N, C-alpha and C. Protein backbone atom coordinates (compact mmCIF):
# COMPACT_ATOMS: atom_id res chain seq x y z
N MET A 1 -26.86 -8.53 12.92
CA MET A 1 -25.61 -9.37 12.50
C MET A 1 -26.20 -10.66 11.78
N GLN A 2 -27.17 -11.10 12.24
CA GLN A 2 -27.68 -12.18 11.94
C GLN A 2 -27.56 -12.30 10.25
N SER A 3 -28.37 -11.29 9.60
CA SER A 3 -28.29 -11.32 8.41
C SER A 3 -27.01 -11.01 7.71
N ALA A 4 -25.94 -10.54 8.42
CA ALA A 4 -24.58 -10.22 7.49
C ALA A 4 -24.04 -12.11 7.77
N ALA A 5 -24.47 -12.99 8.44
CA ALA A 5 -23.18 -14.01 8.94
C ALA A 5 -24.17 -14.85 7.79
N VAL A 6 -25.62 -14.52 7.48
CA VAL A 6 -25.86 -15.58 6.37
C VAL A 6 -26.19 -15.57 5.44
N SER A 7 -25.87 -13.90 5.00
CA SER A 7 -24.90 -13.51 3.74
C SER A 7 -24.17 -14.24 3.21
N ILE A 8 -23.11 -14.07 3.86
CA ILE A 8 -21.61 -14.90 3.47
C ILE A 8 -22.01 -15.98 3.17
N SER A 9 -22.05 -17.29 3.50
CA SER A 9 -22.57 -18.43 2.73
C SER A 9 -23.91 -18.85 1.89
N SER A 10 -24.49 -17.77 2.23
CA SER A 10 -25.34 -17.78 0.87
C SER A 10 -25.31 -16.90 -0.42
N ASN A 11 -24.27 -15.93 -0.15
CA ASN A 11 -23.48 -15.37 -1.63
C ASN A 11 -22.48 -16.26 -2.15
N ILE A 12 -21.93 -17.17 -1.38
CA ILE A 12 -20.98 -18.32 -2.10
C ILE A 12 -21.77 -18.96 -2.64
N ALA A 13 -22.98 -19.73 -1.93
CA ALA A 13 -23.94 -20.82 -2.78
C ALA A 13 -24.73 -20.07 -3.67
N GLU A 14 -25.11 -18.87 -4.08
CA GLU A 14 -25.96 -18.45 -4.79
C GLU A 14 -24.83 -18.34 -6.19
N GLY A 15 -23.83 -17.52 -5.83
CA GLY A 15 -22.32 -17.39 -6.74
C GLY A 15 -21.87 -18.53 -7.65
N TYR A 16 -21.70 -19.92 -6.62
CA TYR A 16 -21.40 -21.05 -7.49
C TYR A 16 -22.22 -21.60 -8.26
N GLU A 17 -24.20 -21.19 -7.63
CA GLU A 17 -25.14 -21.94 -8.84
C GLU A 17 -24.82 -20.99 -10.63
N TRP A 18 -24.16 -19.78 -9.94
CA TRP A 18 -23.95 -18.86 -11.28
C TRP A 18 -22.96 -19.39 -11.87
N GLY A 19 -22.15 -19.56 -11.35
CA GLY A 19 -20.46 -19.70 -12.20
C GLY A 19 -20.09 -18.87 -12.77
N GLY A 20 -18.73 -19.19 -12.89
CA GLY A 20 -17.84 -18.04 -13.84
C GLY A 20 -17.24 -16.69 -13.37
N LYS A 21 -17.68 -15.33 -14.24
CA LYS A 21 -17.67 -14.07 -13.29
C LYS A 21 -18.40 -13.53 -12.42
N ASP A 22 -19.73 -14.33 -12.81
CA ASP A 22 -20.91 -13.99 -11.59
C ASP A 22 -20.02 -15.07 -10.11
N PHE A 23 -19.75 -15.77 -10.34
CA PHE A 23 -18.94 -16.55 -8.77
C PHE A 23 -18.35 -15.56 -8.35
N CYS A 24 -17.18 -15.13 -9.05
CA CYS A 24 -16.11 -14.05 -8.17
C CYS A 24 -17.26 -12.55 -7.65
N ARG A 25 -18.25 -12.32 -8.27
CA ARG A 25 -18.64 -11.02 -8.11
C ARG A 25 -19.56 -11.33 -6.60
N PHE A 26 -19.85 -12.46 -6.43
CA PHE A 26 -20.92 -13.39 -5.34
C PHE A 26 -19.21 -13.45 -4.14
N LEU A 27 -18.66 -13.38 -4.43
CA LEU A 27 -17.48 -13.58 -3.63
C LEU A 27 -17.16 -12.34 -3.13
N ARG A 28 -16.75 -11.49 -3.99
CA ARG A 28 -16.68 -10.51 -3.53
C ARG A 28 -17.84 -9.73 -2.74
N ILE A 29 -18.56 -9.73 -2.83
CA ILE A 29 -19.97 -9.57 -1.85
C ILE A 29 -20.06 -10.46 -0.63
N ALA A 30 -19.67 -11.45 -0.25
CA ALA A 30 -19.65 -12.29 0.29
C ALA A 30 -18.24 -11.35 2.01
N ARG A 31 -17.43 -11.66 1.02
CA ARG A 31 -16.15 -10.79 1.64
C ARG A 31 -17.02 -9.27 2.45
N GLY A 32 -17.36 -9.04 1.57
CA GLY A 32 -18.48 -7.44 2.27
C GLY A 32 -18.87 -7.79 3.25
N SER A 33 -19.97 -8.88 3.34
CA SER A 33 -20.34 -9.05 4.50
C SER A 33 -20.00 -9.44 5.43
N ASN A 34 -18.56 -10.21 5.35
CA ASN A 34 -17.56 -10.39 6.52
C ASN A 34 -17.19 -9.41 7.11
N ALA A 35 -17.00 -8.60 6.04
CA ALA A 35 -16.40 -7.22 6.99
C ALA A 35 -17.41 -6.45 7.64
N GLU A 36 -18.72 -6.54 7.37
CA GLU A 36 -19.70 -5.81 8.25
C GLU A 36 -19.65 -6.58 9.50
N LEU A 37 -19.93 -7.59 9.23
CA LEU A 37 -20.18 -8.63 10.73
C LEU A 37 -18.75 -7.96 11.67
N ARG A 38 -17.61 -8.34 11.01
CA ARG A 38 -16.46 -7.46 11.85
C ARG A 38 -17.08 -6.24 12.31
N SER A 39 -17.56 -5.28 11.54
CA SER A 39 -17.63 -4.25 12.29
C SER A 39 -18.80 -4.63 13.23
N GLN A 40 -20.18 -4.90 12.75
CA GLN A 40 -20.78 -5.08 13.78
C GLN A 40 -20.59 -5.72 15.48
N LEU A 41 -19.30 -6.68 15.32
CA LEU A 41 -19.26 -7.29 16.42
C LEU A 41 -18.37 -6.47 17.27
N THR A 42 -17.77 -5.26 16.59
CA THR A 42 -16.68 -4.41 17.04
C THR A 42 -17.82 -3.56 18.29
N ILE A 43 -18.80 -2.88 17.26
CA ILE A 43 -19.64 -2.33 17.88
C ILE A 43 -20.57 -3.03 18.88
N ALA A 44 -20.76 -4.14 18.78
CA ALA A 44 -21.67 -4.96 20.11
C ALA A 44 -20.51 -4.85 21.23
N ALA A 45 -19.36 -5.46 20.91
CA ALA A 45 -18.25 -5.24 22.07
C ALA A 45 -18.17 -3.70 22.48
N GLU A 46 -18.63 -2.57 22.02
CA GLU A 46 -18.19 -1.42 22.30
C GLU A 46 -19.22 -0.93 23.50
N VAL A 47 -20.29 -1.77 23.32
CA VAL A 47 -21.81 -1.23 23.61
C VAL A 47 -22.10 -1.95 24.89
N GLY A 48 -21.46 -3.05 25.00
CA GLY A 48 -21.40 -4.62 25.95
C GLY A 48 -22.48 -5.46 25.79
N LEU A 49 -22.43 -5.49 24.58
CA LEU A 49 -23.71 -6.88 24.06
C LEU A 49 -23.11 -7.89 23.65
N ILE A 50 -21.67 -7.74 24.32
CA ILE A 50 -20.89 -9.41 23.94
C ILE A 50 -19.31 -8.69 24.64
N SER A 51 -18.76 -9.82 25.10
CA SER A 51 -17.65 -8.92 25.53
C SER A 51 -16.88 -8.97 24.58
N LYS A 52 -15.48 -8.33 25.22
CA LYS A 52 -14.47 -7.84 24.01
C LYS A 52 -13.75 -9.29 23.95
N THR A 53 -13.23 -9.95 24.34
CA THR A 53 -12.57 -10.99 23.85
C THR A 53 -13.73 -12.23 23.33
N ASP A 54 -14.86 -12.75 23.71
CA ASP A 54 -16.00 -13.03 22.81
C ASP A 54 -15.31 -12.52 20.84
N ALA A 55 -15.66 -11.19 21.21
CA ALA A 55 -15.90 -10.64 19.93
C ALA A 55 -14.36 -10.38 18.89
N ASP A 56 -13.43 -10.55 19.96
CA ASP A 56 -12.00 -10.81 19.35
C ASP A 56 -11.98 -12.07 18.36
N SER A 57 -11.91 -12.90 19.42
CA SER A 57 -12.34 -14.49 19.11
C SER A 57 -13.22 -14.72 17.63
N LEU A 58 -14.63 -14.05 17.69
CA LEU A 58 -15.04 -14.36 16.53
C LEU A 58 -14.61 -13.46 15.55
N LYS A 59 -14.12 -12.27 15.52
CA LYS A 59 -13.08 -11.49 14.77
C LYS A 59 -12.25 -12.15 13.75
N ASP A 60 -11.51 -12.79 14.85
CA ASP A 60 -10.03 -13.20 14.22
C ASP A 60 -10.60 -14.90 13.06
N GLU A 61 -11.81 -15.37 13.96
CA GLU A 61 -12.09 -16.55 13.06
C GLU A 61 -13.02 -15.55 11.76
N LEU A 62 -13.51 -14.77 11.89
CA LEU A 62 -13.69 -14.23 10.16
C LEU A 62 -12.75 -13.59 9.47
N MET A 63 -11.73 -13.58 9.96
CA MET A 63 -10.47 -12.94 9.29
C MET A 63 -9.81 -14.18 8.33
N GLN A 64 -10.07 -15.42 8.93
CA GLN A 64 -9.30 -16.44 8.56
C GLN A 64 -10.27 -16.76 7.35
N ILE A 65 -12.07 -16.84 7.82
CA ILE A 65 -13.06 -17.32 6.67
C ILE A 65 -12.61 -15.62 5.32
N ALA A 66 -12.01 -14.59 5.73
CA ALA A 66 -12.20 -13.61 4.46
C ALA A 66 -10.69 -14.33 3.71
N LYS A 67 -9.91 -14.61 4.28
CA LYS A 67 -8.77 -14.71 3.75
C LYS A 67 -8.99 -16.54 2.78
N MET A 68 -10.05 -17.31 3.33
CA MET A 68 -10.26 -18.66 2.39
C MET A 68 -10.94 -17.66 1.30
N ILE A 69 -11.98 -17.17 1.58
CA ILE A 69 -13.11 -16.52 0.71
C ILE A 69 -11.75 -16.11 -0.46
N THR A 70 -10.71 -14.91 -0.32
CA THR A 70 -10.21 -14.58 -1.32
C THR A 70 -9.20 -15.13 -1.60
N LYS A 71 -8.92 -16.30 -1.03
CA LYS A 71 -7.83 -17.28 -1.87
C LYS A 71 -8.97 -17.79 -3.42
N LEU A 72 -9.78 -18.23 -2.52
CA LEU A 72 -11.10 -18.60 -4.04
C LEU A 72 -11.35 -17.95 -4.57
N ASP A 73 -11.66 -16.88 -4.41
CA ASP A 73 -11.63 -15.77 -5.28
C ASP A 73 -10.85 -15.62 -6.39
N HIS A 74 -9.26 -15.50 -6.17
CA HIS A 74 -8.39 -15.48 -6.59
C HIS A 74 -7.98 -16.72 -7.68
N SER A 75 -8.13 -17.77 -7.17
CA SER A 75 -7.82 -19.16 -7.61
C SER A 75 -8.66 -19.34 -8.94
N ARG A 76 -10.06 -18.52 -8.66
CA ARG A 76 -11.22 -18.68 -9.65
C ARG A 76 -10.95 -18.23 -10.82
N ARG A 77 -10.46 -16.82 -10.75
CA ARG A 77 -9.77 -15.75 -11.35
C ARG A 77 -9.10 -16.24 -12.51
N LYS A 78 -7.93 -17.10 -11.58
CA LYS A 78 -7.14 -17.12 -12.05
C LYS A 78 -7.62 -18.35 -13.51
N ALA A 79 -8.22 -19.23 -12.66
CA ALA A 79 -8.38 -20.32 -13.71
C ALA A 79 -9.58 -19.98 -15.34
N MET A 80 -9.87 -19.07 -14.88
CA MET A 80 -11.24 -18.19 -16.26
C MET A 80 -9.93 -17.57 -17.14
N GLU A 81 -8.63 -17.22 -16.30
CA GLU A 81 -7.85 -16.15 -17.42
C GLU A 81 -7.07 -17.53 -18.38
N GLN A 82 -6.86 -18.25 -17.43
CA GLN A 82 -6.22 -19.57 -18.26
C GLN A 82 -7.60 -20.46 -19.41
N MET A 83 -8.71 -20.32 -19.59
CA MET A 83 -9.73 -20.53 -20.46
C MET A 83 -9.62 -20.46 -21.83
């Protein structure tokens, strides 16, 4: 879970450094890590490592982050189309 969480911001940062189409590719990878972490939270709650309430709260926050990443990806793609 820690690896997936770190991967989200790390991929955004690395993609930003590469720029252009690579940035969009890394944003998609970050969204994948976000989905992976949400899945792991579901499993953690099911096996009793975290309360369902805490897992649901964290998953809600991750969904908001996923939406932000998606909006950033869309805006970058649109900007590249206009170049």
